[in-house]
Protein backbone atom coordinates (compact mmCIF):
# COMPACT_ATOMS: atom_id res chain seq x y z
CA MET A 1 127.82 73.38 91.17
CA ASN A 2 127.05 70.13 92.94
CA GLU A 3 123.52 68.81 93.08
CA ILE A 4 121.92 66.73 95.79
CA GLU A 5 118.81 64.77 95.06
CA ILE A 6 116.09 64.03 97.59
CA GLU A 7 113.16 61.72 97.17
CA LEU A 8 109.64 62.89 97.99
CA PRO A 9 106.47 60.90 97.77
CA GLU A 10 104.56 61.86 94.63
CA SER A 11 101.48 62.62 96.76
CA ILE A 12 103.40 65.35 98.62
CA VAL A 13 104.71 66.85 95.39
CA LYS A 14 101.17 66.91 93.96
CA SER A 15 99.78 68.47 97.16
CA LEU A 16 102.42 71.17 97.02
CA GLU A 17 101.73 71.83 93.35
CA ILE A 18 98.05 72.35 94.17
CA THR A 19 99.06 75.05 96.66
CA GLY A 20 101.17 76.76 93.99
CA ILE A 21 104.54 75.32 94.92
CA ASN A 22 105.98 73.76 91.79
CA ARG A 23 109.18 71.72 91.70
CA GLU A 24 111.39 74.77 91.04
CA LYS A 25 109.86 76.76 93.88
CA LEU A 26 110.17 73.72 96.17
CA LYS A 27 113.86 73.51 95.27
CA GLU A 28 114.37 77.22 96.06
CA GLU A 29 112.45 77.08 99.34
CA THR A 30 114.29 73.92 100.42
CA LYS A 31 117.66 75.58 99.78
CA ARG A 32 116.59 78.64 101.78
CA ALA A 33 115.31 76.54 104.67
CA LEU A 34 118.55 74.53 104.71
CA ALA A 35 120.65 77.70 104.57
CA VAL A 36 118.74 79.22 107.50
CA GLU A 37 119.04 76.03 109.53
CA LEU A 38 122.78 75.60 108.87
CA PHE A 39 123.43 79.25 109.71
CA GLU A 40 121.40 79.06 112.91
CA GLU A 41 123.32 75.94 113.98
CA GLY A 42 126.62 77.71 113.28
CA LYS A 43 127.61 75.24 110.57
CA LEU A 44 127.77 77.84 107.80
CA SER A 45 128.84 81.48 107.84
CA LEU A 46 126.42 84.24 106.98
CA GLU A 47 127.98 84.69 103.55
CA SER A 48 128.00 80.95 102.76
CA SER A 49 124.41 80.61 103.93
CA ALA A 50 123.29 83.47 101.69
CA LYS A 51 125.08 81.85 98.78
CA LEU A 52 123.40 78.49 99.48
CA ALA A 53 120.03 80.23 99.68
CA GLY A 54 120.71 81.89 96.31
CA MET A 55 120.18 85.32 97.86
CA HIS A 56 122.09 88.56 98.15
CA LEU A 57 123.65 88.93 101.58
CA SER A 58 121.37 91.82 102.56
CA ASP A 59 118.26 89.87 101.48
CA PHE A 60 119.38 86.84 103.48
CA MET A 61 119.98 89.06 106.52
CA SER A 62 116.43 90.42 106.11
CA LEU A 63 115.10 86.86 105.93
CA LEU A 64 116.90 85.99 109.18
CA SER A 65 115.54 89.13 110.78
CA LYS A 66 111.97 88.20 109.82
CA LYS A 67 112.55 84.80 111.40
CA LYS A 68 113.97 86.48 114.54
CA ILE A 69 117.34 84.78 114.05
CA PRO A 70 120.27 86.94 115.19
CA ILE A 71 122.99 87.47 112.62
CA VAL A 72 125.65 88.13 115.25
CA ASP A 73 126.31 86.06 118.34
CA TYR A 74 128.65 88.02 120.60
CA SER A 75 130.46 86.44 123.52
CA ASP A 76 130.19 88.11 126.94
CA GLU A 77 133.68 89.58 126.44
CA GLU A 78 132.74 91.03 123.06
CA LEU A 79 129.58 92.55 124.53
CA GLU A 80 131.65 94.22 127.26
CA GLU A 81 134.01 95.61 124.63
CA LEU A 82 131.10 96.95 122.61
CA LYS A 83 129.69 98.60 125.73
CA ARG A 84 133.07 100.22 126.39
CA LEU A 85 133.24 101.55 122.84
CA ASP A 86 129.64 102.76 123.08
CA ASN A 87 130.60 104.66 126.24
CA LEU A 88 133.37 106.35 124.25
CA ARG A 89 130.81 107.30 121.61
CA GLU A 90 128.52 108.75 124.26
CA ASN A 91 131.41 110.89 125.46
CA GLY A 92 131.98 112.47 122.08
CA PHE A 93 134.19 109.94 120.28
CA TRP A 94 132.80 108.82 116.94
CA PHE A 95 133.99 105.93 114.85
CA SER A 96 133.18 104.81 111.33
CA ASN A 97 131.91 101.23 111.21
CA ARG A 98 135.20 100.14 109.67
CA LEU A 99 137.26 101.86 112.36
CA TYR A 100 134.93 100.46 115.01
CA GLN A 101 135.54 96.93 113.70
CA GLU A 102 139.29 97.54 113.55
CA LEU A 103 139.28 98.71 117.18
CA ILE A 104 137.46 95.58 118.26
CA LYS A 105 139.89 93.42 116.27
CA TYR A 106 142.89 95.27 117.71
CA GLU A 107 141.62 94.91 121.28
CA SER A 108 140.94 91.19 120.87
CA GLU A 109 144.42 90.58 119.41
CA ARG A 110 146.03 92.35 122.37
CA GLU A 111 144.50 89.91 124.86
């Protein structure tokens, strides 16, 4: 694993340590903050961001949820497709999540 070093003024490090944030915790929190920021900017995928944060995918998704950051950003076309599939569900058609995703993929490839 690659390491990146950042320099912080000693006074900031000492202030953080007083509040209970030691160097290891600062390292962890910095990685999480960077992962959230890069995900939100669309520079890293959800999976890569979770890996950078050192978290399980579901835990990272929960973190994003707490921060009110959407994990999915649908285009207008995708939202229309989801509405169409939801209408099918309302009319008695049920899909597993996997089948639902395959239908969306199939429809997008046909266009």
